[in-house]
């Protein structure tokens, strides 16, 4: 126990819910949170990866019970990602030998901006309707081996170095490659392939850095029930607004990791909050859609009120 234990448990519980709901955002949210709580970047990456082994396993079990994962697709992703993930910590040690903490902050900042862009791209694809291929979904699409293997190689390298990218960057790449695969099955596939990926990355970081039990145990204690809850709610929760909020958080966090002055971050935040929705409304209108998506629960309430009158 330490003074930071309650904060670690609460943050890991919230991040676990996001992992279970979307299959995205684990390392992208947890690693920066640990750094802001005072954990050194090398230790934050190592402990987050070890905790992710447990938390993602819980989400994968829940999705496995619903028969969601595409096992052939997951197998090719694993074949590409495990070797590069295993090399991650050793790359950090060699490339960032003079100042590994500064090297990791730079790498995490850049990867967070890439992840934020991936979230925006995923929301755009969802808006265009390409996620379900104009209403058609396939439970067993033909696996494109070489592109899938390449996604695994790149994703494994990102996760092995920064712990970011397993759900965020790799998920969007899979969406582009398999637009007709249903969203729920895609999340289940990503969670299944992420287990050996994060195990390999965690092993290399434990060898190089070790673990801090005062950090690791709260991450598991909060993240495990959070991931279980999120996975159980994945079928019921609309994720578009959630993804947009996460994208803003990741972008601002990435800018801060790159030592952008507070004034610059404040300007970026104002632009995201004020200009972002207007730009999004204009983009929807350019595709002959209403400027703002009506929420199902709101539509139901309006319809019920109309019937009562």
Protein backbone atom coordinates (compact mmCIF):
# COMPACT_ATOMS: atom_id res chain seq x y z
CA UNK A 1 0.00 0.00 0.00
CA UNK A 2 1.10 3.54 -0.79
CA UNK A 3 -0.59 6.95 -0.87
CA UNK A 4 -1.13 6.46 -4.61
CA UNK A 5 -2.87 3.07 -4.27
CA UNK A 6 -6.49 4.37 -4.30
CA UNK A 7 -5.77 6.54 -7.34
CA UNK A 8 -4.15 3.64 -9.16
CA UNK A 9 -7.12 1.37 -8.46
CA UNK A 10 -9.68 3.94 -9.63
CA UNK A 11 -7.77 4.85 -12.78
CA UNK A 12 -7.15 1.22 -13.70
CA UNK A 13 -10.85 0.40 -13.15
CA UNK A 14 -11.88 3.20 -15.53
CA UNK A 15 -9.31 2.18 -18.14
CA UNK A 16 -10.40 -1.45 -17.78
CA UNK A 17 -13.96 -0.50 -18.69
CA UNK A 18 -12.69 1.20 -21.85
CA UNK A 19 -10.65 -1.90 -22.76
CA UNK A 20 -13.65 -4.17 -22.31
CA UNK A 21 -16.00 -1.87 -24.23
CA UNK A 22 -13.84 -1.09 -27.22
CA UNK A 23 -10.74 -3.31 -27.11
CA UNK A 24 -8.85 -0.01 -27.35
CA UNK A 25 -7.15 2.47 -25.07
CA UNK A 26 -5.41 0.24 -22.52
CA UNK A 27 -1.78 1.29 -22.75
CA UNK A 28 -2.72 4.55 -24.46
CA UNK A 29 -4.58 5.69 -21.34
CA UNK A 30 -2.90 3.80 -18.51
CA UNK A 31 0.78 4.42 -19.27
CA UNK A 32 0.43 8.24 -19.40
CA UNK A 33 -1.73 8.13 -16.27
CA UNK A 34 1.01 6.26 -14.41
CA UNK A 35 3.61 8.77 -15.58
CA UNK A 36 1.47 11.67 -14.35
CA UNK A 37 1.11 9.89 -10.99
CA UNK A 38 4.90 10.01 -10.67
CA UNK A 39 5.89 6.56 -11.95
CA UNK A 40 9.04 6.66 -14.17
CA UNK A 41 8.23 5.94 -17.85
CA UNK A 42 10.25 2.70 -17.97
CA UNK A 43 8.48 1.39 -14.85
CA UNK A 44 5.10 2.61 -16.10
CA UNK A 45 5.45 0.69 -19.36
CA UNK A 46 6.68 -2.49 -17.63
CA UNK A 47 3.95 -2.58 -14.97
CA UNK A 48 1.20 -1.62 -17.41
CA UNK A 49 2.17 -4.48 -19.72
CA UNK A 50 2.19 -7.04 -16.90
CA UNK A 51 -1.20 -5.82 -15.66
CA UNK A 52 -2.54 -5.88 -19.24
CA UNK A 53 -1.82 -9.62 -19.42
CA UNK A 54 -4.41 -10.17 -16.68
CA UNK A 55 -6.90 -7.48 -17.70
CA UNK A 56 -7.02 -8.34 -21.40
CA UNK A 57 -7.33 -12.04 -20.54
CA UNK A 58 -10.52 -11.29 -18.62
CA UNK A 59 -11.98 -9.38 -21.58
CA UNK A 60 -10.97 -12.12 -24.00
CA UNK A 61 -12.68 -14.81 -21.89
CA UNK A 62 -15.93 -12.85 -21.87
CA UNK A 63 -15.84 -12.33 -25.65
CA UNK A 64 -14.80 -15.98 -26.21
CA UNK A 65 -17.97 -17.11 -24.43
CA UNK A 66 -19.99 -15.12 -26.97
CA UNK A 67 -18.09 -16.88 -29.82
CA UNK A 68 -16.83 -13.52 -31.11
CA UNK A 69 -13.11 -14.00 -31.91
CA UNK A 70 -11.90 -14.83 -35.42
CA UNK A 71 -9.17 -17.33 -34.51
CA UNK A 72 -7.40 -17.57 -37.90
CA UNK A 73 -7.11 -13.80 -38.08
CA UNK A 74 -5.83 -13.68 -34.50
CA UNK A 75 -3.23 -16.39 -35.24
CA UNK A 76 -1.62 -14.40 -38.09
CA UNK A 77 -1.58 -11.24 -35.98
CA UNK A 78 0.15 -13.18 -33.18
CA UNK A 79 2.74 -14.60 -35.58
CA UNK A 80 3.76 -11.08 -36.57
CA UNK A 81 3.48 -9.28 -33.25
CA UNK A 82 5.10 -11.58 -30.70
CA UNK A 83 8.73 -11.43 -32.01
CA UNK A 84 8.76 -7.63 -32.35
CA UNK A 85 7.02 -7.16 -28.98
CA UNK A 86 9.63 -9.36 -27.34
CA UNK A 87 12.36 -7.11 -28.74
CA UNK A 88 10.76 -3.89 -27.47
CA UNK A 89 12.47 -3.40 -24.11
CA UNK A 90 15.86 -4.32 -25.55
CA UNK A 91 15.38 -1.71 -28.29
CA UNK A 92 14.63 0.90 -25.62
CA UNK A 93 17.74 -0.11 -23.69
CA UNK A 94 20.00 0.16 -26.74
CA UNK A 95 18.53 3.19 -28.54
CA UNK A 96 17.82 5.18 -25.38
CA UNK A 97 20.91 4.11 -23.46
CA UNK A 98 21.88 7.71 -22.55
CA UNK A 99 18.44 8.66 -21.19
CA UNK A 100 15.82 5.88 -21.54
CA UNK A 101 13.17 7.88 -19.65
CA UNK A 102 13.39 10.80 -22.11
CA UNK A 103 13.43 8.42 -25.08
CA UNK A 104 10.30 6.68 -23.80
CA UNK A 105 8.44 9.95 -23.19
CA UNK A 106 9.18 10.96 -26.79
CA UNK A 107 8.15 7.57 -28.18
CA UNK A 108 4.96 7.49 -26.08
CA UNK A 109 4.04 11.06 -27.09
CA UNK A 110 4.37 10.31 -30.80
CA UNK A 111 2.48 7.02 -30.47
CA UNK A 112 -0.34 8.71 -28.56
CA UNK A 113 -0.82 11.21 -31.38
CA UNK A 114 -0.91 8.30 -33.85
CA UNK A 115 -3.45 6.53 -31.62
CA UNK A 116 -5.61 9.67 -31.40
CA UNK A 117 -5.59 9.94 -35.18
CA UNK A 118 -6.56 6.27 -35.36
CA UNK A 119 -9.57 6.90 -33.10
CA UNK A 120 -10.73 9.77 -35.34
CA UNK A 121 -10.26 7.63 -38.44
CA UNK A 122 -12.27 4.81 -36.91
CA UNK A 123 -15.13 7.19 -36.08
CA UNK A 124 -15.04 8.55 -39.63
CA UNK A 125 -15.19 5.03 -41.07
CA UNK A 126 -18.12 4.25 -38.81
CA UNK A 127 -19.90 7.41 -39.96
CA UNK A 128 -19.44 6.47 -43.61
CA UNK A 129 -20.88 3.05 -42.91
CA UNK A 130 -17.79 1.18 -44.12
CA UNK A 131 -17.49 -0.74 -40.85
CA UNK A 132 -20.42 -2.97 -41.79
CA UNK A 133 -19.84 -2.72 -45.58
CA UNK A 134 -23.09 -0.90 -46.26
CA UNK A 135 -25.06 -3.05 -43.88
CA UNK A 136 -23.43 -6.40 -44.77
CA UNK A 137 -21.36 -8.15 -42.10
CA UNK A 138 -19.31 -11.31 -42.48
CA UNK A 139 -18.59 -13.76 -39.66
CA UNK A 140 -15.75 -15.46 -41.55
CA UNK A 141 -14.11 -13.17 -44.15
CA UNK A 142 -11.14 -14.43 -46.17
CA UNK A 143 -7.94 -13.74 -44.24
CA UNK A 144 -5.40 -11.61 -46.13
CA UNK A 145 -2.25 -13.17 -44.75
CA UNK A 146 0.57 -10.78 -45.66
CA UNK A 147 -1.20 -7.50 -44.69
CA UNK A 148 -2.47 -9.09 -41.48
CA UNK A 149 1.01 -10.34 -40.59
CA UNK A 150 2.43 -6.85 -41.30
CA UNK A 151 -0.13 -5.25 -38.96
CA UNK A 152 1.05 -7.67 -36.29
CA UNK A 153 4.73 -6.78 -36.85
CA UNK A 154 4.17 -3.01 -36.62
CA UNK A 155 1.70 -3.27 -33.75
CA UNK A 156 4.01 -5.57 -31.80
CA UNK A 157 6.87 -3.10 -32.19
CA UNK A 158 4.74 -0.20 -30.93
CA UNK A 159 3.49 -2.18 -27.94
CA UNK A 160 6.92 -3.60 -27.16
CA UNK A 161 8.45 -0.13 -26.95
CA UNK A 162 5.63 2.02 -25.50
CA UNK A 163 2.83 -0.40 -24.40
CA UNK A 164 0.55 1.69 -26.68
CA UNK A 165 -1.05 0.43 -29.89
CA UNK A 166 -2.38 -3.04 -29.15
CA UNK A 167 -6.02 -1.93 -29.25
CA UNK A 168 -5.91 1.54 -30.75
CA UNK A 169 -3.63 1.48 -33.80
CA UNK A 170 -4.00 -2.23 -34.60
CA UNK A 171 -7.79 -2.08 -34.32
CA UNK A 172 -8.09 0.67 -36.93
CA UNK A 173 -5.70 -1.15 -39.25
CA UNK A 174 -7.90 -4.23 -38.98
CA UNK A 175 -11.00 -2.13 -39.68
CA UNK A 176 -9.43 -0.88 -42.90
CA UNK A 177 -8.40 -4.40 -43.90
CA UNK A 178 -11.65 -6.17 -42.90
CA UNK A 179 -14.47 -3.58 -43.13
CA UNK A 180 -17.21 -6.23 -43.21
CA UNK A 181 -16.18 -7.94 -39.97
CA UNK A 182 -18.72 -7.13 -37.24
CA UNK A 183 -17.56 -4.71 -34.54
CA UNK A 184 -18.17 -7.12 -31.66
CA UNK A 185 -16.22 -9.91 -33.34
CA UNK A 186 -13.42 -7.50 -34.17
CA UNK A 187 -13.10 -6.49 -30.50
CA UNK A 188 -13.03 -10.14 -29.46
CA UNK A 189 -10.35 -10.95 -32.06
CA UNK A 190 -8.20 -8.03 -30.94
CA UNK A 191 -8.45 -9.03 -27.28
CA UNK A 192 -7.48 -12.63 -28.06
CA UNK A 193 -4.44 -11.68 -30.18
CA UNK A 194 -3.40 -9.09 -27.60
CA UNK A 195 -2.78 -11.68 -24.88
CA UNK A 196 0.38 -13.30 -26.35
CA UNK A 197 1.40 -9.88 -27.66
CA UNK A 198 1.39 -8.23 -24.23
CA UNK A 199 2.87 -11.36 -22.63
CA UNK A 200 5.87 -11.13 -24.96
CA UNK A 201 6.24 -7.39 -24.38
CA UNK A 202 5.84 -7.81 -20.62
CA UNK A 203 8.51 -10.53 -20.47
CA UNK A 204 11.08 -8.32 -22.17
CA UNK A 205 10.32 -5.33 -19.93
CA UNK A 206 10.40 -7.45 -16.78
CA UNK A 207 13.83 -8.76 -17.81
CA UNK A 208 15.16 -5.25 -18.46
CA UNK A 209 13.27 -3.16 -15.86
CA UNK A 210 11.51 -5.48 -13.41
CA UNK A 211 8.15 -4.83 -11.74
CA UNK A 212 7.02 -2.60 -8.88
CA UNK A 213 4.46 -4.53 -6.83
CA UNK A 214 3.05 -1.36 -5.25
CA UNK A 215 2.10 -0.27 -8.77
CA UNK A 216 1.28 -3.63 -10.36
CA UNK A 217 -1.16 -4.99 -7.77
CA UNK A 218 -3.49 -1.93 -7.80
CA UNK A 219 -3.51 -2.05 -11.61
CA UNK A 220 -4.69 -5.66 -11.56
CA UNK A 221 -7.13 -5.08 -8.68
CA UNK A 222 -8.87 -2.23 -10.50
CA UNK A 223 -8.39 -3.24 -14.11
CA UNK A 224 -9.71 -6.81 -13.89
CA UNK A 225 -13.27 -5.99 -12.72
CA UNK A 226 -13.32 -2.93 -14.99
CA UNK A 227 -12.46 -4.99 -18.08
CA UNK A 228 -15.03 -7.64 -17.14
CA UNK A 229 -17.74 -5.00 -16.74
CA UNK A 230 -16.83 -3.27 -19.99
CA UNK A 231 -16.84 -6.54 -21.96
CA UNK A 232 -20.28 -7.42 -20.60
CA UNK A 233 -21.61 -4.01 -21.69
CA UNK A 234 -19.96 -4.02 -25.15
CA UNK A 235 -23.17 -5.15 -26.89
CA UNK A 236 -25.26 -2.39 -25.30
CA UNK A 237 -23.15 0.76 -25.37
CA UNK A 238 -22.83 3.12 -28.34
CA UNK A 239 -19.12 3.77 -28.74
CA UNK A 240 -18.88 6.72 -31.15
CA UNK A 241 -19.03 9.45 -28.50
CA UNK A 242 -16.70 7.44 -26.25
CA UNK A 243 -14.10 7.17 -29.03
CA UNK A 244 -14.22 10.89 -29.75
CA UNK A 245 -13.64 11.73 -26.09
CA UNK A 246 -10.73 9.30 -25.88
CA UNK A 247 -9.21 10.78 -29.05
CA UNK A 248 -9.17 14.24 -27.45
CA UNK A 249 -7.60 12.90 -24.25
CA UNK A 250 -4.92 10.99 -26.18
CA UNK A 251 -4.06 13.98 -28.38
CA UNK A 252 -3.68 16.36 -25.42
CA UNK A 253 -1.70 13.78 -23.47
CA UNK A 254 0.60 13.16 -26.44
CA UNK A 255 1.24 16.90 -26.78
CA UNK A 256 2.13 17.16 -23.10
CA UNK A 257 4.50 14.19 -23.40
CA UNK A 258 6.25 16.07 -26.20
CA UNK A 259 6.72 19.06 -23.85
CA UNK A 260 4.33 21.37 -25.71
CA UNK A 261 3.86 24.50 -23.52
CA UNK A 262 0.63 24.65 -21.44
CA UNK A 263 -0.65 27.54 -23.56
CA UNK A 264 -0.34 25.41 -26.70
CA UNK A 265 -2.16 22.52 -25.04
CA UNK A 266 -4.94 24.88 -23.90
CA UNK A 267 -5.35 26.21 -27.44
CA UNK A 268 -5.45 22.66 -28.81
CA UNK A 269 -8.06 21.65 -26.19
CA UNK A 270 -10.25 24.63 -27.08
CA UNK A 271 -9.97 23.78 -30.77
CA UNK A 272 -10.91 20.14 -30.15
CA UNK A 273 -13.90 21.03 -27.96
CA UNK A 274 -15.26 24.04 -29.89
CA UNK A 275 -14.14 23.66 -33.50
CA UNK A 276 -14.13 19.84 -33.54
CA UNK A 277 -17.93 19.32 -33.30
CA UNK A 278 -18.56 21.99 -35.95
CA UNK A 279 -16.06 20.41 -38.32
CA UNK A 280 -17.59 17.00 -37.65
CA UNK A 281 -21.09 18.34 -38.38
CA UNK A 282 -19.88 19.82 -41.66
CA UNK A 283 -18.25 16.51 -42.58
CA UNK A 284 -21.50 14.61 -41.88
CA UNK A 285 -23.48 17.06 -44.00
CA UNK A 286 -21.01 16.58 -46.88
CA UNK A 287 -22.03 12.90 -46.83
CA UNK A 288 -25.77 13.77 -46.88
CA UNK A 289 -26.18 12.96 -43.19
CA UNK A 290 -27.78 15.14 -40.49
CA UNK A 291 -25.18 17.36 -38.80
CA UNK A 292 -25.52 15.60 -35.46
CA UNK A 293 -26.34 11.97 -34.86
CA UNK A 294 -29.52 11.47 -32.86
CA UNK A 295 -29.04 9.18 -29.89
CA UNK A 296 -31.30 6.08 -29.86
CA UNK A 297 -32.45 6.70 -26.31
CA UNK A 298 -33.43 10.28 -27.21
CA UNK A 299 -35.32 9.16 -30.28
CA UNK A 300 -37.21 6.61 -28.19
CA UNK A 301 -38.21 9.26 -25.63
CA UNK A 302 -39.40 11.65 -28.34
CA UNK A 303 -41.43 8.90 -30.05
CA UNK A 304 -43.01 7.80 -26.75
CA UNK A 305 -43.96 11.38 -25.89
CA UNK A 306 -45.53 11.80 -29.34
CA UNK A 307 -47.61 8.64 -28.84
CA UNK A 308 -48.81 9.84 -25.44
CA UNK A 309 -49.99 13.14 -26.92
